[in-house]
Amino acid sequence: YNPFGNNSDVNEAMQREFYIKQRAKKE
């Protein structure tokens, strides 16, 4: 049982969050 779901989904969510933080910092 993987409580975080598919690893690719987790990585995608983390990448999205990182992208948003970087873009917010830039803006």
PDB file of all heavy atoms in Angstrom:
ATOM      1  N   TYR A   1       0.846  -1.194   0.000  1.00  0.00           N
ATOM      2  CA  TYR A   1       0.000   0.000   0.000  1.00  0.00           C
ATOM      3  C   TYR A   1       0.888   1.254   0.000  1.00  0.00           C
ATOM      4  O   TYR A   1       1.772   1.401   0.857  1.00  0.00           O
ATOM      5  CB  TYR A   1      -0.911  -0.003   1.225  1.00  0.00           C
ATOM      6  CG  TYR A   1      -1.672   1.304   1.414  1.00  0.00           C
ATOM      7  CD1 TYR A   1      -2.653   1.681   0.491  1.00  0.00           C
ATOM      8  CD2 TYR A   1      -1.398   2.142   2.492  1.00  0.00           C
ATOM      9  CE1 TYR A   1      -3.351   2.866   0.653  1.00  0.00           C
ATOM     10  CE2 TYR A   1      -2.086   3.319   2.658  1.00  0.00           C
ATOM     11  CZ  TYR A   1      -3.070   3.671   1.735  1.00  0.00           C
ATOM     12  OH  TYR A   1      -3.756   4.842   1.894  1.00  0.00           O
ATOM     13  N   ASN A   2       0.696   2.125  -0.990  1.00  0.00           N
ATOM     14  CA  ASN A   2       1.445   3.385  -1.074  1.00  0.00           C
ATOM     15  C   ASN A   2       0.513   4.534  -0.682  1.00  0.00           C
ATOM     16  O   ASN A   2      -0.399   4.868  -1.429  1.00  0.00           O
ATOM     17  CB  ASN A   2       1.953   3.588  -2.502  1.00  0.00           C
ATOM     18  CG  ASN A   2       2.807   4.855  -2.628  1.00  0.00           C
ATOM     19  OD1 ASN A   2       2.869   5.659  -1.712  1.00  0.00           O
ATOM     20  ND2 ASN A   2       3.451   4.991  -3.784  1.00  0.00           N
ATOM     21  N   PRO A   3       0.711   5.128   0.494  1.00  0.00           N
ATOM     22  CA  PRO A   3      -0.216   6.173   0.962  1.00  0.00           C
ATOM     23  C   PRO A   3      -0.159   7.433   0.093  1.00  0.00           C
ATOM     24  O   PRO A   3      -1.026   8.278   0.169  1.00  0.00           O
ATOM     25  CB  PRO A   3       0.269   6.461   2.380  1.00  0.00           C
ATOM     26  CG  PRO A   3       1.705   6.082   2.386  1.00  0.00           C
ATOM     27  CD  PRO A   3       1.806   4.912   1.450  1.00  0.00           C
ATOM     28  N   PHE A   4       0.872   7.609  -0.711  1.00  0.00           N
ATOM     29  CA  PHE A   4       1.019   8.819  -1.518  1.00  0.00           C
ATOM     30  C   PHE A   4       0.587   8.618  -2.961  1.00  0.00           C
ATOM     31  O   PHE A   4       0.751   9.492  -3.801  1.00  0.00           O
ATOM     32  CB  PHE A   4       2.484   9.287  -1.501  1.00  0.00           C
ATOM     33  CG  PHE A   4       2.992   9.581  -0.121  1.00  0.00           C
ATOM     34  CD1 PHE A   4       3.842   8.691   0.523  1.00  0.00           C
ATOM     35  CD2 PHE A   4       2.601  10.735   0.528  1.00  0.00           C
ATOM     36  CE1 PHE A   4       4.299   8.968   1.798  1.00  0.00           C
ATOM     37  CE2 PHE A   4       3.065  11.012   1.809  1.00  0.00           C
ATOM     38  CZ  PHE A   4       3.910  10.128   2.449  1.00  0.00           C
ATOM     39  N   GLY A   5       0.062   7.434  -3.248  1.00  0.00           N
ATOM     40  CA  GLY A   5      -0.374   7.168  -4.608  1.00  0.00           C
ATOM     41  C   GLY A   5       0.809   6.868  -5.501  1.00  0.00           C
ATOM     42  O   GLY A   5       1.902   6.532  -5.056  1.00  0.00           O
ATOM     43  N   ASN A   6       0.590   7.020  -6.791  1.00  0.00           N
ATOM     44  CA  ASN A   6       1.625   6.738  -7.775  1.00  0.00           C
ATOM     45  C   ASN A   6       2.796   7.716  -7.623  1.00  0.00           C
ATOM     46  O   ASN A   6       2.613   8.911  -7.454  1.00  0.00           O
ATOM     47  CB  ASN A   6       1.018   6.877  -9.179  1.00  0.00           C
ATOM     48  CG  ASN A   6       1.983   6.384 -10.235  1.00  0.00           C
ATOM     49  OD1 ASN A   6       2.953   7.072 -10.527  1.00  0.00           O
ATOM     50  ND2 ASN A   6       1.697   5.219 -10.783  1.00  0.00           N
ATOM     51  N   ASN A   7       4.026   7.182  -7.682  1.00  0.00           N
ATOM     52  CA  ASN A   7       5.206   8.023  -7.511  1.00  0.00           C
ATOM     53  C   ASN A   7       5.290   9.128  -8.562  1.00  0.00           C
ATOM     54  O   ASN A   7       5.739  10.234  -8.284  1.00  0.00           O
ATOM     55  CB  ASN A   7       6.475   7.165  -7.575  1.00  0.00           C
ATOM     56  CG  ASN A   7       6.680   6.359  -6.304  1.00  0.00           C
ATOM     57  OD1 ASN A   7       6.151   6.737  -5.271  1.00  0.00           O
ATOM     58  ND2 ASN A   7       7.434   5.276  -6.399  1.00  0.00           N
ATOM     59  N   SER A   8       4.866   8.837  -9.791  1.00  0.00           N
ATOM     60  CA  SER A   8       4.896   9.848 -10.845  1.00  0.00           C
ATOM     61  C   SER A   8       3.964  11.016 -10.511  1.00  0.00           C
ATOM     62  O   SER A   8       4.276  12.170 -10.798  1.00  0.00           O
ATOM     63  CB  SER A   8       4.502   9.232 -12.190  1.00  0.00           C
ATOM     64  OG  SER A   8       3.179   8.736 -12.145  1.00  0.00           O
ATOM     65  N   ASP A   9       2.816  10.695  -9.875  1.00  0.00           N
ATOM     66  CA  ASP A   9       1.892  11.754  -9.468  1.00  0.00           C
ATOM     67  C   ASP A   9       2.514  12.625  -8.392  1.00  0.00           C
ATOM     68  O   ASP A   9       2.360  13.857  -8.387  1.00  0.00           O
ATOM     69  CB  ASP A   9       0.579  11.153  -8.950  1.00  0.00           C
ATOM     70  CG  ASP A   9      -0.211  10.462 -10.055  1.00  0.00           C
ATOM     71  OD1 ASP A   9       0.033  10.796 -11.236  1.00  0.00           O
ATOM     72  OD2 ASP A   9      -1.048   9.601  -9.730  1.00  0.00           O
ATOM     73  N   VAL A  10       3.215  11.988  -7.448  1.00  0.00           N
ATOM     74  CA  VAL A  10       3.873  12.733  -6.371  1.00  0.00           C
ATOM     75  C   VAL A  10       4.938  13.652  -6.947  1.00  0.00           C
ATOM     76  O   VAL A  10       5.039  14.834  -6.595  1.00  0.00           O
ATOM     77  CB  VAL A  10       4.497  11.764  -5.336  1.00  0.00           C
ATOM     78  CG1 VAL A  10       5.300  12.548  -4.300  1.00  0.00           C
ATOM     79  CG2 VAL A  10       3.419  10.945  -4.668  1.00  0.00           C
ATOM     80  N   ASN A  11       5.750  13.110  -7.853  1.00  0.00           N
ATOM     81  CA  ASN A  11       6.805  13.913  -8.466  1.00  0.00           C
ATOM     82  C   ASN A  11       6.232  15.087  -9.252  1.00  0.00           C
ATOM     83  O   ASN A  11       6.757  16.209  -9.219  1.00  0.00           O
ATOM     84  CB  ASN A  11       7.657  13.042  -9.395  1.00  0.00           C
ATOM     85  CG  ASN A  11       8.505  12.043  -8.630  1.00  0.00           C
ATOM     86  OD1 ASN A  11       8.822  12.274  -7.463  1.00  0.00           O
ATOM     87  ND2 ASN A  11       8.870  10.940  -9.277  1.00  0.00           N
ATOM     88  N   GLU A  12       5.144  14.827  -9.949  1.00  0.00           N
ATOM     89  CA  GLU A  12       4.516  15.890 -10.728  1.00  0.00           C
ATOM     90  C   GLU A  12       3.980  16.993  -9.818  1.00  0.00           C
ATOM     91  O   GLU A  12       4.128  18.179 -10.117  1.00  0.00           O
ATOM     92  CB  GLU A  12       3.379  15.304 -11.573  1.00  0.00           C
ATOM     93  CG  GLU A  12       2.735  16.324 -12.518  1.00  0.00           C
ATOM     94  CD  GLU A  12       1.634  15.716 -13.364  1.00  0.00           C
ATOM     95  OE1 GLU A  12       1.589  14.467 -13.482  1.00  0.00           O
ATOM     96  OE2 GLU A  12       0.823  16.494 -13.896  1.00  0.00           O
ATOM     97  N   ALA A  13       3.361  16.600  -8.703  1.00  0.00           N
ATOM     98  CA  ALA A  13       2.827  17.576  -7.750  1.00  0.00           C
ATOM     99  C   ALA A  13       3.954  18.408  -7.140  1.00  0.00           C
ATOM    100  O   ALA A  13       3.829  19.630  -6.980  1.00  0.00           O
ATOM    101  CB  ALA A  13       2.034  16.872  -6.657  1.00  0.00           C
ATOM    102  N   MET A  14       5.072  17.735  -6.799  1.00  0.00           N
ATOM    103  CA  MET A  14       6.211  18.438  -6.218  1.00  0.00           C
ATOM    104  C   MET A  14       6.826  19.407  -7.224  1.00  0.00           C
ATOM    105  O   MET A  14       7.207  20.533  -6.870  1.00  0.00           O
ATOM    106  CB  MET A  14       7.262  17.429  -5.741  1.00  0.00           C
ATOM    107  CG  MET A  14       6.827  16.598  -4.542  1.00  0.00           C
ATOM    108  SD  MET A  14       8.049  15.344  -4.084  1.00  0.00           S
ATOM    109  CE  MET A  14       9.435  16.373  -3.605  1.00  0.00           C
ATOM    110  N   GLN A  15       6.917  18.961  -8.479  1.00  0.00           N
ATOM    111  CA  GLN A  15       7.457  19.836  -9.510  1.00  0.00           C
ATOM    112  C   GLN A  15       6.563  21.041  -9.743  1.00  0.00           C
ATOM    113  O   GLN A  15       7.055  22.165  -9.926  1.00  0.00           O
ATOM    114  CB  GLN A  15       7.625  19.059 -10.819  1.00  0.00           C
ATOM    115  CG  GLN A  15       8.755  18.034 -10.778  1.00  0.00           C
ATOM    116  CD  GLN A  15       8.799  17.191 -12.044  1.00  0.00           C
ATOM    117  OE1 GLN A  15       7.971  17.352 -12.942  1.00  0.00           O
ATOM    118  NE2 GLN A  15       9.762  16.277 -12.112  1.00  0.00           N
ATOM    119  N   ARG A  16       5.244  20.791  -9.703  1.00  0.00           N
ATOM    120  CA  ARG A  16       4.300  21.896  -9.887  1.00  0.00           C
ATOM    121  C   ARG A  16       4.428  22.902  -8.747  1.00  0.00           C
ATOM    122  O   ARG A  16       4.437  24.119  -8.954  1.00  0.00           O
ATOM    123  CB  ARG A  16       2.868  21.365  -9.975  1.00  0.00           C
ATOM    124  CG  ARG A  16       1.842  22.440 -10.368  1.00  0.00           C
ATOM    125  CD  ARG A  16       0.418  21.910 -10.345  1.00  0.00           C
ATOM    126  NE  ARG A  16       0.268  20.739 -11.192  1.00  0.00           N
ATOM    127  CZ  ARG A  16       0.002  19.511 -10.737  1.00  0.00           C
ATOM    128  NH1 ARG A  16      -0.124  19.305  -9.432  1.00  0.00           N
ATOM    129  NH2 ARG A  16      -0.128  18.509 -11.573  1.00  0.00           N
ATOM    130  N   GLU A  17       4.522  22.403  -7.516  1.00  0.00           N
ATOM    131  CA  GLU A  17       4.654  23.276  -6.351  1.00  0.00           C
ATOM    132  C   GLU A  17       5.959  24.076  -6.418  1.00  0.00           C
ATOM    133  O   GLU A  17       5.991  25.268  -6.120  1.00  0.00           O
ATOM    134  CB  GLU A  17       4.620  22.443  -5.061  1.00  0.00           C
ATOM    135  CG  GLU A  17       4.661  23.290  -3.788  1.00  0.00           C
ATOM    136  CD  GLU A  17       4.596  22.446  -2.529  1.00  0.00           C
ATOM    137  OE1 GLU A  17       4.447  21.208  -2.644  1.00  0.00           O
ATOM    138  OE2 GLU A  17       4.707  23.024  -1.439  1.00  0.00           O
ATOM    139  N   PHE A  18       7.035  23.412  -6.821  1.00  0.00           N
ATOM    140  CA  PHE A  18       8.327  24.085  -6.944  1.00  0.00           C
ATOM    141  C   PHE A  18       8.253  25.174  -8.014  1.00  0.00           C
ATOM    142  O   PHE A  18       8.767  26.292  -7.824  1.00  0.00           O
ATOM    143  CB  PHE A  18       9.419  23.072  -7.301  1.00  0.00           C
ATOM    144  CG  PHE A  18      10.758  23.685  -7.538  1.00  0.00           C
ATOM    145  CD1 PHE A  18      11.555  24.070  -6.463  1.00  0.00           C
ATOM    146  CD2 PHE A  18      11.232  23.878  -8.835  1.00  0.00           C
ATOM    147  CE1 PHE A  18      12.800  24.632  -6.683  1.00  0.00           C
ATOM    148  CE2 PHE A  18      12.475  24.449  -9.059  1.00  0.00           C
ATOM    149  CZ  PHE A  18      13.262  24.831  -7.976  1.00  0.00           C
ATOM    150  N   TYR A  19       7.592  24.855  -9.142  1.00  0.00           N
ATOM    151  CA  TYR A  19       7.450  25.816 -10.229  1.00  0.00           C
ATOM    152  C   TYR A  19       6.662  27.040  -9.774  1.00  0.00           C
ATOM    153  O   TYR A  19       7.045  28.184 -10.065  1.00  0.00           O
ATOM    154  CB  TYR A  19       6.755  25.153 -11.415  1.00  0.00           C
ATOM    155  CG  TYR A  19       6.300  26.111 -12.485  1.00  0.00           C
ATOM    156  CD1 TYR A  19       7.211  26.667 -13.380  1.00  0.00           C
ATOM    157  CD2 TYR A  19       4.952  26.475 -12.592  1.00  0.00           C
ATOM    158  CE1 TYR A  19       6.796  27.557 -14.360  1.00  0.00           C
ATOM    159  CE2 TYR A  19       4.527  27.363 -13.567  1.00  0.00           C
ATOM    160  CZ  TYR A  19       5.457  27.899 -14.452  1.00  0.00           C
ATOM    161  OH  TYR A  19       5.043  28.783 -15.410  1.00  0.00           O
ATOM    162  N   ILE A  20       5.571  26.808  -9.034  1.00  0.00           N
ATOM    163  CA  ILE A  20       4.731  27.914  -8.553  1.00  0.00           C
ATOM    164  C   ILE A  20       5.519  28.796  -7.596  1.00  0.00           C
ATOM    165  O   ILE A  20       5.449  30.035  -7.666  1.00  0.00           O
ATOM    166  CB  ILE A  20       3.452  27.380  -7.884  1.00  0.00           C
ATOM    167  CG1 ILE A  20       2.533  26.745  -8.940  1.00  0.00           C
ATOM    168  CG2 ILE A  20       2.710  28.484  -7.142  1.00  0.00           C
ATOM    169  CD1 ILE A  20       1.318  26.046  -8.365  1.00  0.00           C
ATOM    170  N   LYS A  21       6.293  28.186  -6.698  1.00  0.00           N
ATOM    171  CA  LYS A  21       7.085  28.965  -5.747  1.00  0.00           C
ATOM    172  C   LYS A  21       8.134  29.813  -6.472  1.00  0.00           C
ATOM    173  O   LYS A  21       8.343  30.985  -6.136  1.00  0.00           O
ATOM    174  CB  LYS A  21       7.764  28.042  -4.743  1.00  0.00           C
ATOM    175  CG  LYS A  21       6.817  27.451  -3.695  1.00  0.00           C
ATOM    176  CD  LYS A  21       7.576  26.586  -2.704  1.00  0.00           C
ATOM    177  CE  LYS A  21       6.633  26.029  -1.634  1.00  0.00           C
ATOM    178  NZ  LYS A  21       7.355  25.171  -0.660  1.00  0.00           N
ATOM    179  N   GLN A  22       8.793  29.229  -7.447  1.00  0.00           N
ATOM    180  CA  GLN A  22       9.803  29.957  -8.206  1.00  0.00           C
ATOM    181  C   GLN A  22       9.183  31.096  -9.013  1.00  0.00           C
ATOM    182  O   GLN A  22       9.743  32.199  -9.074  1.00  0.00           O
ATOM    183  CB  GLN A  22      10.548  28.995  -9.146  1.00  0.00           C
ATOM    184  CG  GLN A  22      11.459  28.003  -8.439  1.00  0.00           C
ATOM    185  CD  GLN A  22      12.555  28.704  -7.655  1.00  0.00           C
ATOM    186  OE1 GLN A  22      12.535  28.724  -6.422  1.00  0.00           O
ATOM    187  NE2 GLN A  22      13.502  29.292  -8.359  1.00  0.00           N
ATOM    188  N   ARG A  23       8.026  30.797  -9.582  1.00  0.00           N
ATOM    189  CA  ARG A  23       7.361  31.838 -10.375  1.00  0.00           C
ATOM    190  C   ARG A  23       6.854  32.965  -9.473  1.00  0.00           C
ATOM    191  O   ARG A  23       6.951  34.142  -9.836  1.00  0.00           O
ATOM    192  CB  ARG A  23       6.192  31.225 -11.144  1.00  0.00           C
ATOM    193  CG  ARG A  23       5.525  32.210 -12.080  1.00  0.00           C
ATOM    194  CD  ARG A  23       4.505  31.540 -12.946  1.00  0.00           C
ATOM    195  NE  ARG A  23       3.722  32.533 -13.664  1.00  0.00           N
ATOM    196  CZ  ARG A  23       2.688  32.248 -14.428  1.00  0.00           C
ATOM    197  NH1 ARG A  23       2.325  30.985 -14.592  1.00  0.00           N
ATOM    198  NH2 ARG A  23       2.022  33.193 -15.041  1.00  0.00           N
ATOM    199  N   ALA A  24       6.331  32.617  -8.300  1.00  0.00           N
ATOM    200  CA  ALA A  24       5.872  33.635  -7.352  1.00  0.00           C
ATOM    201  C   ALA A  24       7.035  34.527  -6.923  1.00  0.00           C
ATOM    202  O   ALA A  24       6.904  35.755  -6.837  1.00  0.00           O
ATOM    203  CB  ALA A  24       5.223  32.969  -6.142  1.00  0.00           C
ATOM    204  N   LYS A  25       8.175  33.902  -6.653  1.00  0.00           N
ATOM    205  CA  LYS A  25       9.365  34.653  -6.266  1.00  0.00           C
ATOM    206  C   LYS A  25       9.792  35.603  -7.383  1.00  0.00           C
ATOM    207  O   LYS A  25      10.133  36.775  -7.130  1.00  0.00           O
ATOM    208  CB  LYS A  25      10.494  33.680  -5.939  1.00  0.00           C
ATOM    209  CG  LYS A  25      11.765  34.345  -5.433  1.00  0.00           C
ATOM    210  CD  LYS A  25      12.811  33.289  -5.085  1.00  0.00           C
ATOM    211  CE  LYS A  25      14.109  33.950  -4.600  1.00  0.00           C
ATOM    212  NZ  LYS A  25      15.136  32.935  -4.260  1.00  0.00           N
ATOM    213  N   LYS A  26       9.756  35.118  -8.606  1.00  0.00           N
ATOM    214  CA  LYS A  26      10.135  35.938  -9.754  1.00  0.00           C
ATOM    215  C   LYS A  26       9.163  37.104  -9.946  1.00  0.00           C
ATOM    216  O   LYS A  26       9.591  38.247 -10.190  1.00  0.00           O
ATOM    217  CB  LYS A  26      10.160  35.077 -11.020  1.00  0.00           C
ATOM    218  CG  LYS A  26      10.568  35.842 -12.273  1.00  0.00           C
ATOM    219  CD  LYS A  26      10.524  34.944 -13.506  1.00  0.00           C
ATOM    220  CE  LYS A  26      10.863  35.744 -14.764  1.00  0.00           C
ATOM    221  NZ  LYS A  26      10.770  34.899 -15.986  1.00  0.00           N
ATOM    222  N   GLU A  27       7.848  36.843  -9.818  1.00  0.00           N
ATOM    223  CA  GLU A  27       6.848  37.898  -9.999  1.00  0.00           C
ATOM    224  C   GLU A  27       6.976  38.968  -8.917  1.00  0.00           C
ATOM    225  O   GLU A  27       6.854  40.162  -9.205  1.00  0.00           O
ATOM    226  CB  GLU A  27       5.440  37.295  -9.982  1.00  0.00           C
ATOM    227  CG  GLU A  27       5.087  36.549 -11.259  1.00  0.00           C
ATOM    228  CD  GLU A  27       3.632  36.112 -11.295  1.00  0.00           C
ATOM    229  OE1 GLU A  27       2.868  36.511 -10.394  1.00  0.00           O
ATOM    230  OE2 GLU A  27       3.270  35.357 -12.200  1.00  0.00           O
TER     231      GLU A  27
END
